[in-house]
Amino acid sequence: MEFINLTDEQRDVLCEIGNIGAGNAATSMAKLINKKIDMQVPSIDVVGYDDMMELIGGPEALIVAIFFRIQGDAPGTVFFILTMEEAENLVQQITNNVTFNLFSDGSLDEVAISVLQETGNILTGSYLSALSDFMHINMQPSVPYFSADMAGAVLTAGLMELSQVTDFAIIIDTKINHNDSKNGVHGHFLLLPDPSSFQKIFHALGVNEDV
C-alpha cells in the first residue's frame, strides 16, 4: 500500500481539521438525539484510489455509504462508509432501540436510511465547515445519496454516475460513541477532490504539490 508521504506538520494540520470537524459533529449529534456523544479521529491518511478498497475491507465487503457532491470553490465527492453491522449498531444507538434491524421484509428499513442520511449530513457538514474555515475556500455538500452494496460497486458506480475521476482521497477515520454504549462505531469518511481541486486544497493546507 503506497501512502502519500506527508510531513509531520502536514499530517498535524489534517488531524487538527479532522478533530475540529469531529467536535462540531459530536455537538450537533448530541443535540439531535439528546445524548452525550464522543467522536474521535484515530487517524487521517492520503491514499491512492486503489488503496481505498483495501482500507475499507476490499471490493467485496458489504457496506452502507452515504455520499455527496461538494459544491463551491473546490468540487469533489464525499463518502461516509460503514459496514452493515456498524450501520445497524449506529441506528440502534440513535433510535435507542437495541432490537432495531437494518433490514425489514428483505429491504433496508426507511427509518434506518433516514437516520444514516442525517448522520452523514452532520458529519459531512462539520468536516467541510472545518476545511472551509481553515482554507478560506467555500465547500458545501449536496443532498445525500444512499447506497448499500459491495464496496467496489458503491465506489465505482458513485464515481461513474457523477462523472468524476480522481487519483487520491483523504481518508478520515471516525469513531462514534455515546455515553450509554460500550460499542463504538468506526466509519470511514472519504474526501475525493476533483483533479482540479486537489492541488488547491493541498496548497491551502501547506502540502507540497510533489508529495
N, C-alpha and C. Protein backbone atom coordinates (compact mmCIF):
# COMPACT_ATOMS: atom_id res chain seq x y z
N MET A 1 0.84 -1.18 0.00
CA MET A 1 0.00 0.00 0.00
C MET A 1 0.88 1.24 0.00
N GLU A 2 0.67 2.15 -0.93
CA GLU A 2 1.51 3.33 -1.03
C GLU A 2 0.73 4.55 -0.56
N PHE A 3 1.20 5.17 0.51
CA PHE A 3 0.61 6.38 1.02
C PHE A 3 1.42 7.57 0.51
N ILE A 4 0.75 8.69 0.33
CA ILE A 4 1.50 9.91 0.06
C ILE A 4 2.28 10.25 1.31
N ASN A 5 3.53 10.64 1.15
CA ASN A 5 4.39 10.92 2.29
C ASN A 5 4.17 12.35 2.77
N LEU A 6 3.32 12.50 3.77
CA LEU A 6 3.10 13.80 4.38
C LEU A 6 4.14 14.03 5.48
N THR A 7 4.54 15.29 5.64
CA THR A 7 5.40 15.61 6.77
C THR A 7 4.57 15.56 8.05
N ASP A 8 5.25 15.52 9.18
CA ASP A 8 4.55 15.52 10.46
C ASP A 8 3.69 16.77 10.60
N GLU A 9 4.20 17.91 10.13
CA GLU A 9 3.45 19.16 10.24
C GLU A 9 2.19 19.12 9.38
N GLN A 10 2.32 18.59 8.16
CA GLN A 10 1.17 18.49 7.27
C GLN A 10 0.12 17.54 7.84
N ARG A 11 0.59 16.42 8.40
CA ARG A 11 -0.35 15.47 8.99
C ARG A 11 -1.04 16.08 10.21
N ASP A 12 -0.28 16.86 10.99
CA ASP A 12 -0.87 17.53 12.16
C ASP A 12 -1.97 18.49 11.74
N VAL A 13 -1.76 19.20 10.62
CA VAL A 13 -2.78 20.13 10.13
C VAL A 13 -4.05 19.38 9.76
N LEU A 14 -3.90 18.29 9.02
CA LEU A 14 -5.07 17.49 8.63
C LEU A 14 -5.77 16.91 9.86
N CYS A 15 -5.00 16.44 10.81
CA CYS A 15 -5.59 15.87 12.03
C CYS A 15 -6.35 16.93 12.82
N GLU A 16 -5.80 18.14 12.89
CA GLU A 16 -6.48 19.21 13.62
C GLU A 16 -7.81 19.55 12.95
N ILE A 17 -7.80 19.62 11.63
CA ILE A 17 -9.05 19.89 10.91
C ILE A 17 -10.05 18.77 11.16
N GLY A 18 -9.56 17.52 11.12
CA GLY A 18 -10.44 16.38 11.39
C GLY A 18 -11.02 16.43 12.79
N ASN A 19 -10.20 16.79 13.76
CA ASN A 19 -10.67 16.85 15.14
C ASN A 19 -11.67 17.98 15.35
N ILE A 20 -11.44 19.12 14.70
CA ILE A 20 -12.40 20.22 14.80
C ILE A 20 -13.74 19.80 14.20
N GLY A 21 -13.68 19.16 13.03
CA GLY A 21 -14.91 18.68 12.40
C GLY A 21 -15.62 17.66 13.25
N ALA A 22 -14.86 16.73 13.86
CA ALA A 22 -15.45 15.70 14.72
C ALA A 22 -16.10 16.33 15.94
N GLY A 23 -15.45 17.35 16.51
CA GLY A 23 -16.03 18.02 17.67
C GLY A 23 -17.34 18.71 17.33
N ASN A 24 -17.36 19.38 16.18
CA ASN A 24 -18.59 20.04 15.74
C ASN A 24 -19.69 19.01 15.47
N ALA A 25 -19.31 17.88 14.84
CA ALA A 25 -20.29 16.84 14.54
C ALA A 25 -20.85 16.22 15.82
N ALA A 26 -19.98 15.99 16.81
CA ALA A 26 -20.42 15.41 18.08
C ALA A 26 -21.43 16.32 18.76
N THR A 27 -21.17 17.63 18.74
CA THR A 27 -22.11 18.59 19.34
C THR A 27 -23.45 18.56 18.63
N SER A 28 -23.42 18.53 17.31
CA SER A 28 -24.67 18.52 16.53
C SER A 28 -25.45 17.24 16.76
N MET A 29 -24.75 16.09 16.80
CA MET A 29 -25.44 14.82 17.02
C MET A 29 -26.00 14.73 18.43
N ALA A 30 -25.28 15.26 19.40
CA ALA A 30 -25.76 15.24 20.78
C ALA A 30 -27.06 16.02 20.90
N LYS A 31 -27.16 17.16 20.22
CA LYS A 31 -28.40 17.95 20.24
C LYS A 31 -29.53 17.20 19.54
N LEU A 32 -29.18 16.48 18.48
CA LEU A 32 -30.19 15.76 17.69
C LEU A 32 -30.83 14.64 18.49
N ILE A 33 -30.01 13.87 19.22
CA ILE A 33 -30.54 12.68 19.90
C ILE A 33 -30.59 12.86 21.41
N ASN A 34 -30.20 14.04 21.88
CA ASN A 34 -30.26 14.35 23.32
C ASN A 34 -29.45 13.36 24.15
N LYS A 35 -28.26 13.02 23.66
CA LYS A 35 -27.33 12.16 24.38
C LYS A 35 -25.93 12.70 24.20
N LYS A 36 -25.08 12.48 25.19
CA LYS A 36 -23.71 12.90 25.07
C LYS A 36 -22.99 12.02 24.04
N ILE A 37 -22.35 12.66 23.08
CA ILE A 37 -21.66 11.95 22.01
C ILE A 37 -20.16 12.23 22.10
N ASP A 38 -19.38 11.18 21.97
CA ASP A 38 -17.93 11.32 21.90
C ASP A 38 -17.49 10.87 20.52
N MET A 39 -16.82 11.75 19.81
CA MET A 39 -16.37 11.41 18.47
C MET A 39 -14.87 11.64 18.37
N GLN A 40 -14.16 10.63 17.91
CA GLN A 40 -12.71 10.70 17.82
C GLN A 40 -12.25 10.47 16.38
N VAL A 41 -11.08 11.02 16.07
CA VAL A 41 -10.46 10.80 14.76
C VAL A 41 -9.14 10.08 15.01
N PRO A 42 -9.14 8.73 14.97
CA PRO A 42 -7.92 7.97 15.26
C PRO A 42 -6.79 8.22 14.28
N SER A 43 -7.13 8.43 13.00
CA SER A 43 -6.07 8.62 12.00
C SER A 43 -6.61 9.32 10.76
N ILE A 44 -5.70 9.98 10.05
CA ILE A 44 -6.01 10.59 8.76
C ILE A 44 -4.87 10.24 7.81
N ASP A 45 -5.21 9.80 6.61
CA ASP A 45 -4.19 9.50 5.61
C ASP A 45 -4.65 9.96 4.24
N VAL A 46 -3.69 10.14 3.35
CA VAL A 46 -3.96 10.42 1.95
C VAL A 46 -3.51 9.21 1.16
N VAL A 47 -4.41 8.62 0.39
CA VAL A 47 -4.10 7.37 -0.31
C VAL A 47 -4.53 7.45 -1.77
N GLY A 48 -3.97 6.56 -2.57
CA GLY A 48 -4.40 6.42 -3.94
C GLY A 48 -5.75 5.73 -4.01
N TYR A 49 -6.43 5.87 -5.14
CA TYR A 49 -7.78 5.32 -5.29
C TYR A 49 -7.83 3.82 -5.01
N ASP A 50 -6.85 3.07 -5.53
CA ASP A 50 -6.86 1.62 -5.35
C ASP A 50 -6.74 1.23 -3.88
N ASP A 51 -6.05 2.06 -3.09
CA ASP A 51 -5.84 1.73 -1.68
C ASP A 51 -7.10 1.94 -0.84
N MET A 52 -8.04 2.73 -1.35
CA MET A 52 -9.29 2.95 -0.61
C MET A 52 -10.00 1.63 -0.36
N MET A 53 -10.02 0.78 -1.40
CA MET A 53 -10.71 -0.50 -1.28
C MET A 53 -10.12 -1.35 -0.16
N GLU A 54 -8.80 -1.38 -0.09
CA GLU A 54 -8.13 -2.19 0.93
C GLU A 54 -8.46 -1.67 2.33
N LEU A 55 -8.50 -0.36 2.48
CA LEU A 55 -8.74 0.23 3.79
C LEU A 55 -10.15 -0.02 4.30
N ILE A 56 -11.11 -0.18 3.40
CA ILE A 56 -12.48 -0.40 3.84
C ILE A 56 -12.90 -1.86 3.73
N GLY A 57 -11.91 -2.76 3.57
CA GLY A 57 -12.20 -4.18 3.65
C GLY A 57 -12.19 -4.93 2.34
N GLY A 58 -11.85 -4.26 1.25
CA GLY A 58 -11.81 -4.92 -0.05
C GLY A 58 -13.06 -4.66 -0.85
N PRO A 59 -12.99 -4.86 -2.19
CA PRO A 59 -14.11 -4.54 -3.07
C PRO A 59 -15.37 -5.37 -2.84
N GLU A 60 -15.24 -6.54 -2.18
CA GLU A 60 -16.41 -7.39 -1.97
C GLU A 60 -17.04 -7.19 -0.59
N ALA A 61 -16.47 -6.30 0.22
CA ALA A 61 -17.03 -6.03 1.54
C ALA A 61 -18.40 -5.36 1.40
N LEU A 62 -19.38 -5.85 2.17
CA LEU A 62 -20.71 -5.25 2.14
C LEU A 62 -20.71 -4.00 3.01
N ILE A 63 -21.11 -2.88 2.43
CA ILE A 63 -21.05 -1.61 3.14
C ILE A 63 -22.33 -0.80 2.93
N VAL A 64 -22.51 0.15 3.80
CA VAL A 64 -23.51 1.20 3.63
C VAL A 64 -22.74 2.49 3.39
N ALA A 65 -23.14 3.26 2.39
CA ALA A 65 -22.45 4.50 2.07
C ALA A 65 -23.44 5.63 1.88
N ILE A 66 -23.13 6.77 2.46
CA ILE A 66 -23.86 7.99 2.19
C ILE A 66 -22.88 8.89 1.47
N PHE A 67 -23.23 9.36 0.27
CA PHE A 67 -22.26 10.17 -0.45
C PHE A 67 -22.89 11.46 -0.97
N PHE A 68 -22.01 12.43 -1.18
CA PHE A 68 -22.41 13.80 -1.51
C PHE A 68 -21.49 14.33 -2.60
N ARG A 69 -21.99 15.27 -3.38
CA ARG A 69 -21.13 16.09 -4.21
C ARG A 69 -20.78 17.35 -3.42
N ILE A 70 -19.53 17.77 -3.50
CA ILE A 70 -19.11 19.02 -2.89
C ILE A 70 -19.28 20.12 -3.92
N GLN A 71 -19.99 21.16 -3.54
CA GLN A 71 -20.21 22.29 -4.42
C GLN A 71 -19.44 23.49 -3.88
N GLY A 72 -19.05 24.40 -4.75
CA GLY A 72 -18.32 25.59 -4.31
C GLY A 72 -17.00 25.73 -5.02
N ASP A 73 -15.99 26.25 -4.30
CA ASP A 73 -14.70 26.58 -4.92
C ASP A 73 -13.82 25.36 -5.16
N ALA A 74 -14.07 24.27 -4.46
CA ALA A 74 -13.23 23.08 -4.61
C ALA A 74 -14.13 21.84 -4.74
N PRO A 75 -14.72 21.62 -5.92
CA PRO A 75 -15.66 20.50 -6.10
C PRO A 75 -15.00 19.15 -5.85
N GLY A 76 -15.82 18.19 -5.46
CA GLY A 76 -15.34 16.84 -5.22
C GLY A 76 -16.48 15.95 -4.79
N THR A 77 -16.14 14.81 -4.22
CA THR A 77 -17.12 13.85 -3.76
C THR A 77 -16.75 13.40 -2.36
N VAL A 78 -17.75 13.18 -1.53
CA VAL A 78 -17.55 12.71 -0.16
C VAL A 78 -18.33 11.42 0.04
N PHE A 79 -17.71 10.43 0.68
CA PHE A 79 -18.39 9.20 1.08
C PHE A 79 -18.24 9.02 2.59
N PHE A 80 -19.33 8.69 3.27
CA PHE A 80 -19.26 8.21 4.66
C PHE A 80 -19.64 6.75 4.62
N ILE A 81 -18.70 5.87 5.02
CA ILE A 81 -18.84 4.42 4.81
C ILE A 81 -18.83 3.68 6.13
N LEU A 82 -19.80 2.77 6.27
CA LEU A 82 -19.90 1.88 7.43
C LEU A 82 -20.09 0.45 6.95
N THR A 83 -19.63 -0.52 7.73
CA THR A 83 -20.04 -1.90 7.46
C THR A 83 -21.52 -2.03 7.79
N MET A 84 -22.14 -3.10 7.32
CA MET A 84 -23.56 -3.32 7.62
C MET A 84 -23.79 -3.39 9.14
N GLU A 85 -22.87 -4.09 9.83
CA GLU A 85 -23.01 -4.24 11.28
C GLU A 85 -22.88 -2.90 11.99
N GLU A 86 -21.92 -2.08 11.54
CA GLU A 86 -21.74 -0.76 12.15
C GLU A 86 -22.94 0.14 11.89
N ALA A 87 -23.49 0.06 10.68
CA ALA A 87 -24.66 0.86 10.36
C ALA A 87 -25.84 0.49 11.25
N GLU A 88 -26.05 -0.81 11.43
CA GLU A 88 -27.15 -1.25 12.29
C GLU A 88 -26.92 -0.82 13.74
N ASN A 89 -25.67 -0.95 14.21
CA ASN A 89 -25.34 -0.54 15.57
C ASN A 89 -25.57 0.95 15.77
N LEU A 90 -25.18 1.76 14.77
CA LEU A 90 -25.37 3.21 14.87
C LEU A 90 -26.85 3.57 14.93
N VAL A 91 -27.65 2.93 14.10
CA VAL A 91 -29.09 3.20 14.11
C VAL A 91 -29.70 2.80 15.45
N GLN A 92 -29.25 1.67 15.98
CA GLN A 92 -29.75 1.22 17.30
C GLN A 92 -29.41 2.25 18.38
N GLN A 93 -28.20 2.79 18.34
CA GLN A 93 -27.79 3.79 19.33
C GLN A 93 -28.62 5.06 19.21
N ILE A 94 -28.81 5.52 17.98
CA ILE A 94 -29.50 6.79 17.78
C ILE A 94 -30.99 6.67 18.08
N THR A 95 -31.59 5.52 17.72
CA THR A 95 -33.02 5.32 17.98
C THR A 95 -33.29 4.81 19.38
N ASN A 96 -32.21 4.45 20.10
CA ASN A 96 -32.33 3.88 21.44
C ASN A 96 -33.18 2.61 21.43
N ASN A 97 -32.97 1.81 20.37
CA ASN A 97 -33.72 0.56 20.20
C ASN A 97 -32.71 -0.53 19.84
N VAL A 98 -32.30 -1.33 20.83
CA VAL A 98 -31.24 -2.32 20.61
C VAL A 98 -31.71 -3.49 19.76
N THR A 99 -33.00 -3.60 19.51
CA THR A 99 -33.52 -4.70 18.69
C THR A 99 -33.78 -4.25 17.25
N PHE A 100 -33.44 -3.02 16.94
CA PHE A 100 -33.71 -2.50 15.60
C PHE A 100 -32.91 -3.27 14.56
N ASN A 101 -33.57 -3.67 13.47
CA ASN A 101 -32.92 -4.38 12.37
C ASN A 101 -32.76 -3.46 11.18
N LEU A 102 -31.58 -3.51 10.58
CA LEU A 102 -31.32 -2.66 9.42
C LEU A 102 -32.24 -3.01 8.25
N PHE A 103 -32.58 -4.29 8.14
CA PHE A 103 -33.44 -4.74 7.06
C PHE A 103 -34.82 -5.09 7.59
N SER A 104 -35.83 -4.69 6.86
CA SER A 104 -37.22 -5.01 7.19
C SER A 104 -37.90 -5.61 5.97
N ASP A 105 -38.38 -6.86 6.12
CA ASP A 105 -39.02 -7.57 5.00
C ASP A 105 -38.10 -7.67 3.78
N GLY A 106 -36.80 -7.89 4.05
CA GLY A 106 -35.86 -8.11 2.97
C GLY A 106 -35.28 -6.86 2.35
N SER A 107 -35.74 -5.68 2.75
CA SER A 107 -35.20 -4.44 2.20
C SER A 107 -34.78 -3.52 3.33
N LEU A 108 -33.96 -2.55 3.00
CA LEU A 108 -33.47 -1.62 4.01
C LEU A 108 -34.63 -0.82 4.60
N ASP A 109 -34.64 -0.75 5.92
CA ASP A 109 -35.70 -0.03 6.62
C ASP A 109 -35.60 1.47 6.32
N GLU A 110 -36.74 2.11 6.05
CA GLU A 110 -36.76 3.53 5.70
C GLU A 110 -36.28 4.41 6.86
N VAL A 111 -36.60 4.01 8.09
CA VAL A 111 -36.12 4.77 9.25
C VAL A 111 -34.60 4.71 9.32
N ALA A 112 -34.04 3.53 9.06
CA ALA A 112 -32.59 3.37 9.08
C ALA A 112 -31.94 4.26 8.03
N ILE A 113 -32.50 4.28 6.83
CA ILE A 113 -31.95 5.12 5.77
C ILE A 113 -31.97 6.58 6.18
N SER A 114 -33.09 7.02 6.75
CA SER A 114 -33.22 8.41 7.18
C SER A 114 -32.21 8.77 8.26
N VAL A 115 -32.04 7.87 9.24
CA VAL A 115 -31.09 8.11 10.33
C VAL A 115 -29.66 8.19 9.79
N LEU A 116 -29.31 7.27 8.91
CA LEU A 116 -27.96 7.24 8.37
C LEU A 116 -27.68 8.45 7.48
N GLN A 117 -28.68 8.86 6.70
CA GLN A 117 -28.50 10.05 5.88
C GLN A 117 -28.30 11.29 6.74
N GLU A 118 -29.06 11.40 7.82
CA GLU A 118 -28.90 12.56 8.70
C GLU A 118 -27.54 12.55 9.37
N THR A 119 -27.07 11.36 9.79
CA THR A 119 -25.73 11.26 10.36
C THR A 119 -24.68 11.67 9.35
N GLY A 120 -24.83 11.20 8.12
CA GLY A 120 -23.91 11.60 7.06
C GLY A 120 -23.94 13.09 6.81
N ASN A 121 -25.14 13.68 6.85
CA ASN A 121 -25.28 15.13 6.70
C ASN A 121 -24.49 15.88 7.76
N ILE A 122 -24.64 15.44 9.01
CA ILE A 122 -23.98 16.12 10.13
C ILE A 122 -22.46 16.01 10.01
N LEU A 123 -21.98 14.79 9.76
CA LEU A 123 -20.53 14.59 9.64
C LEU A 123 -19.95 15.39 8.48
N THR A 124 -20.59 15.28 7.32
CA THR A 124 -20.07 15.95 6.14
C THR A 124 -20.09 17.46 6.30
N GLY A 125 -21.20 17.99 6.81
CA GLY A 125 -21.28 19.42 7.03
C GLY A 125 -20.23 19.91 8.00
N SER A 126 -19.98 19.14 9.06
CA SER A 126 -18.99 19.54 10.07
C SER A 126 -17.57 19.49 9.53
N TYR A 127 -17.22 18.42 8.82
CA TYR A 127 -15.88 18.31 8.27
C TYR A 127 -15.62 19.36 7.19
N LEU A 128 -16.58 19.56 6.30
CA LEU A 128 -16.40 20.55 5.24
C LEU A 128 -16.34 21.96 5.81
N SER A 129 -17.13 22.22 6.86
CA SER A 129 -17.07 23.53 7.50
C SER A 129 -15.69 23.79 8.10
N ALA A 130 -15.11 22.75 8.74
CA ALA A 130 -13.77 22.89 9.32
C ALA A 130 -12.73 23.15 8.23
N LEU A 131 -12.83 22.41 7.12
CA LEU A 131 -11.92 22.62 6.00
C LEU A 131 -12.08 24.02 5.40
N SER A 132 -13.34 24.43 5.20
CA SER A 132 -13.61 25.73 4.59
C SER A 132 -13.07 26.87 5.45
N ASP A 133 -13.30 26.77 6.77
CA ASP A 133 -12.84 27.82 7.67
C ASP A 133 -11.32 27.93 7.66
N PHE A 134 -10.65 26.77 7.63
CA PHE A 134 -9.19 26.78 7.68
C PHE A 134 -8.60 27.30 6.37
N MET A 135 -9.17 26.88 5.24
CA MET A 135 -8.58 27.19 3.94
C MET A 135 -9.15 28.45 3.31
N HIS A 136 -10.27 28.96 3.89
CA HIS A 136 -10.97 30.11 3.29
C HIS A 136 -11.44 29.77 1.88
N ILE A 137 -11.93 28.54 1.73
CA ILE A 137 -12.47 28.07 0.45
C ILE A 137 -13.90 27.61 0.69
N ASN A 138 -14.82 28.07 -0.14
CA ASN A 138 -16.23 27.69 0.02
C ASN A 138 -16.44 26.24 -0.43
N MET A 139 -16.94 25.39 0.50
CA MET A 139 -17.24 23.99 0.19
C MET A 139 -18.57 23.64 0.85
N GLN A 140 -19.57 23.30 0.03
CA GLN A 140 -20.90 22.98 0.54
C GLN A 140 -21.34 21.61 0.03
N PRO A 141 -21.96 20.78 0.89
CA PRO A 141 -22.41 19.46 0.44
C PRO A 141 -23.74 19.52 -0.28
N SER A 142 -23.93 18.61 -1.23
CA SER A 142 -25.22 18.45 -1.90
C SER A 142 -26.17 17.68 -0.98
N VAL A 143 -27.35 17.37 -1.47
CA VAL A 143 -28.24 16.46 -0.74
C VAL A 143 -27.56 15.09 -0.70
N PRO A 144 -27.84 14.26 0.32
CA PRO A 144 -27.17 12.96 0.43
C PRO A 144 -27.74 11.92 -0.53
N TYR A 145 -26.86 11.07 -1.02
CA TYR A 145 -27.24 9.88 -1.80
C TYR A 145 -26.93 8.67 -0.94
N PHE A 146 -27.77 7.66 -1.01
CA PHE A 146 -27.62 6.48 -0.15
C PHE A 146 -27.41 5.25 -1.01
N SER A 147 -26.51 4.36 -0.55
CA SER A 147 -26.27 3.11 -1.26
C SER A 147 -25.86 2.03 -0.28
N ALA A 148 -26.27 0.80 -0.53
CA ALA A 148 -25.87 -0.35 0.27
C ALA A 148 -25.54 -1.48 -0.69
N ASP A 149 -24.25 -1.86 -0.75
CA ASP A 149 -23.81 -2.85 -1.73
C ASP A 149 -22.37 -3.23 -1.40
N MET A 150 -21.74 -3.97 -2.30
CA MET A 150 -20.32 -4.27 -2.15
C MET A 150 -19.52 -2.99 -2.38
N ALA A 151 -18.40 -2.85 -1.67
CA ALA A 151 -17.62 -1.62 -1.71
C ALA A 151 -17.22 -1.24 -3.14
N GLY A 152 -16.79 -2.24 -3.91
CA GLY A 152 -16.38 -1.95 -5.28
C GLY A 152 -17.50 -1.35 -6.10
N ALA A 153 -18.70 -1.91 -5.97
CA ALA A 153 -19.84 -1.41 -6.72
C ALA A 153 -20.24 -0.01 -6.27
N VAL A 154 -20.21 0.23 -4.95
CA VAL A 154 -20.63 1.53 -4.43
C VAL A 154 -19.68 2.63 -4.89
N LEU A 155 -18.38 2.43 -4.71
CA LEU A 155 -17.44 3.48 -5.05
C LEU A 155 -17.37 3.70 -6.56
N THR A 156 -17.29 2.60 -7.32
CA THR A 156 -17.17 2.74 -8.77
C THR A 156 -18.43 3.35 -9.37
N ALA A 157 -19.60 2.83 -8.96
CA ALA A 157 -20.85 3.36 -9.50
C ALA A 157 -21.05 4.81 -9.10
N GLY A 158 -20.71 5.14 -7.85
CA GLY A 158 -20.88 6.51 -7.40
C GLY A 158 -20.03 7.48 -8.20
N LEU A 159 -18.79 7.11 -8.45
CA LEU A 159 -17.91 8.00 -9.18
C LEU A 159 -18.29 8.07 -10.65
N MET A 160 -18.69 6.94 -11.24
CA MET A 160 -19.09 6.95 -12.65
C MET A 160 -20.36 7.76 -12.84
N GLU A 161 -21.31 7.59 -11.92
CA GLU A 161 -22.57 8.32 -12.03
C GLU A 161 -22.33 9.82 -11.98
N LEU A 162 -21.37 10.22 -11.18
CA LEU A 162 -21.08 11.65 -11.03
C LEU A 162 -20.01 12.13 -12.01
N SER A 163 -19.59 11.21 -12.89
CA SER A 163 -18.65 11.55 -13.96
C SER A 163 -17.36 12.17 -13.44
N GLN A 164 -16.85 11.59 -12.35
CA GLN A 164 -15.63 12.12 -11.76
C GLN A 164 -14.55 11.04 -11.75
N VAL A 165 -13.34 11.47 -11.97
CA VAL A 165 -12.18 10.59 -11.88
C VAL A 165 -11.17 11.29 -10.99
N THR A 166 -10.66 10.62 -10.02
CA THR A 166 -9.70 11.24 -9.11
C THR A 166 -8.59 10.27 -8.78
N ASP A 167 -7.43 10.79 -8.47
CA ASP A 167 -6.27 9.96 -8.19
C ASP A 167 -6.09 9.67 -6.70
N PHE A 168 -6.54 10.60 -5.85
CA PHE A 168 -6.26 10.48 -4.43
C PHE A 168 -7.50 10.76 -3.59
N ALA A 169 -7.46 10.25 -2.37
CA ALA A 169 -8.53 10.52 -1.41
C ALA A 169 -7.91 10.84 -0.06
N ILE A 170 -8.56 11.75 0.67
CA ILE A 170 -8.22 11.98 2.07
C ILE A 170 -9.16 11.12 2.89
N ILE A 171 -8.61 10.21 3.69
CA ILE A 171 -9.43 9.30 4.49
C ILE A 171 -9.33 9.71 5.96
N ILE A 172 -10.48 10.06 6.52
CA ILE A 172 -10.57 10.43 7.93
C ILE A 172 -11.31 9.31 8.65
N ASP A 173 -10.58 8.53 9.45
CA ASP A 173 -11.25 7.51 10.27
C ASP A 173 -12.05 8.20 11.36
N THR A 174 -13.25 7.72 11.60
CA THR A 174 -14.15 8.36 12.56
C THR A 174 -14.70 7.31 13.52
N LYS A 175 -14.58 7.55 14.80
CA LYS A 175 -15.13 6.65 15.81
C LYS A 175 -16.19 7.39 16.62
N ILE A 176 -17.40 6.82 16.64
CA ILE A 176 -18.55 7.45 17.29
C ILE A 176 -18.98 6.62 18.49
N ASN A 177 -19.10 7.26 19.63
CA ASN A 177 -19.62 6.62 20.85
C ASN A 177 -20.62 7.55 21.51
N HIS A 178 -21.57 6.98 22.25
CA HIS A 178 -22.32 7.81 23.18
C HIS A 178 -22.25 7.17 24.55
N ASN A 179 -22.59 7.94 25.58
CA ASN A 179 -22.30 7.52 26.95
C ASN A 179 -23.11 6.32 27.42
N ASP A 180 -24.12 5.91 26.67
CA ASP A 180 -24.92 4.76 27.06
C ASP A 180 -24.45 3.46 26.42
N SER A 181 -23.41 3.54 25.61
CA SER A 181 -23.00 2.37 24.84
C SER A 181 -21.51 2.09 25.03
N LYS A 182 -21.18 0.81 25.12
CA LYS A 182 -19.79 0.39 25.20
C LYS A 182 -19.23 0.09 23.81
N ASN A 183 -20.11 -0.01 22.81
CA ASN A 183 -19.68 -0.38 21.47
C ASN A 183 -19.60 0.85 20.58
N GLY A 184 -18.38 1.16 20.13
CA GLY A 184 -18.20 2.29 19.24
C GLY A 184 -18.48 1.91 17.80
N VAL A 185 -18.76 2.90 17.00
CA VAL A 185 -18.97 2.71 15.57
C VAL A 185 -17.79 3.35 14.84
N HIS A 186 -17.07 2.55 14.06
CA HIS A 186 -15.88 3.04 13.37
C HIS A 186 -16.18 3.13 11.89
N GLY A 187 -16.32 4.36 11.39
CA GLY A 187 -16.61 4.57 9.98
C GLY A 187 -15.46 5.26 9.27
N HIS A 188 -15.53 5.29 7.95
CA HIS A 188 -14.54 5.97 7.13
C HIS A 188 -15.20 7.14 6.41
N PHE A 189 -14.59 8.29 6.53
CA PHE A 189 -15.03 9.48 5.81
C PHE A 189 -14.03 9.72 4.69
N LEU A 190 -14.48 9.59 3.45
CA LEU A 190 -13.59 9.72 2.29
C LEU A 190 -13.85 11.04 1.58
N LEU A 191 -12.83 11.85 1.44
CA LEU A 191 -12.92 13.09 0.70
C LEU A 191 -12.13 12.92 -0.60
N LEU A 192 -12.83 12.94 -1.73
CA LEU A 192 -12.20 12.76 -3.03
C LEU A 192 -12.34 14.05 -3.83
N PRO A 193 -11.33 14.92 -3.75
CA PRO A 193 -11.40 16.16 -4.54
C PRO A 193 -11.34 15.85 -6.03
N ASP A 194 -12.04 16.65 -6.82
CA ASP A 194 -11.86 16.57 -8.27
C ASP A 194 -10.40 16.90 -8.59
N PRO A 195 -9.89 16.42 -9.73
CA PRO A 195 -8.48 16.68 -10.07
C PRO A 195 -8.11 18.16 -9.99
N SER A 196 -9.01 19.03 -10.41
CA SER A 196 -8.72 20.47 -10.40
C SER A 196 -8.72 21.04 -8.98
N SER A 197 -9.30 20.32 -8.03
CA SER A 197 -9.42 20.83 -6.66
C SER A 197 -8.31 20.34 -5.75
N PHE A 198 -7.71 19.20 -6.07
CA PHE A 198 -6.78 18.58 -5.14
C PHE A 198 -5.59 19.50 -4.83
N GLN A 199 -4.96 20.05 -5.88
CA GLN A 199 -3.82 20.93 -5.65
C GLN A 199 -4.23 22.18 -4.90
N LYS A 200 -5.43 22.69 -5.19
CA LYS A 200 -5.91 23.89 -4.49
C LYS A 200 -6.07 23.62 -3.00
N ILE A 201 -6.64 22.45 -2.66
CA ILE A 201 -6.84 22.11 -1.25
C ILE A 201 -5.50 21.91 -0.55
N PHE A 202 -4.61 21.14 -1.18
CA PHE A 202 -3.36 20.85 -0.51
C PHE A 202 -2.42 22.05 -0.48
N HIS A 203 -2.53 22.93 -1.46
CA HIS A 203 -1.76 24.17 -1.40
C HIS A 203 -2.20 25.00 -0.21
N ALA A 204 -3.52 25.07 0.01
CA ALA A 204 -4.06 25.82 1.15
C ALA A 204 -3.66 25.19 2.49
N LEU A 205 -3.47 23.86 2.48
CA LEU A 205 -3.06 23.15 3.69
C LEU A 205 -1.54 23.17 3.91
N GLY A 206 -0.81 23.72 2.92
CA GLY A 206 0.64 23.77 3.07
C GLY A 206 1.32 22.48 2.66
N VAL A 207 0.63 21.63 1.89
CA VAL A 207 1.21 20.38 1.42
C VAL A 207 1.81 20.62 0.05
N ASN A 208 3.09 20.26 -0.12
CA ASN A 208 3.76 20.49 -1.40
C ASN A 208 3.09 19.70 -2.51
N GLU A 209 3.07 20.25 -3.70
CA GLU A 209 2.40 19.59 -4.83
C GLU A 209 3.12 18.33 -5.27
N ASP A 210 4.40 18.17 -4.89
CA ASP A 210 5.14 17.00 -5.36
C ASP A 210 5.18 15.88 -4.33
N VAL A 211 4.26 15.92 -3.29
CA VAL A 211 4.25 14.84 -2.31
C VAL A 211 3.73 13.58 -2.95
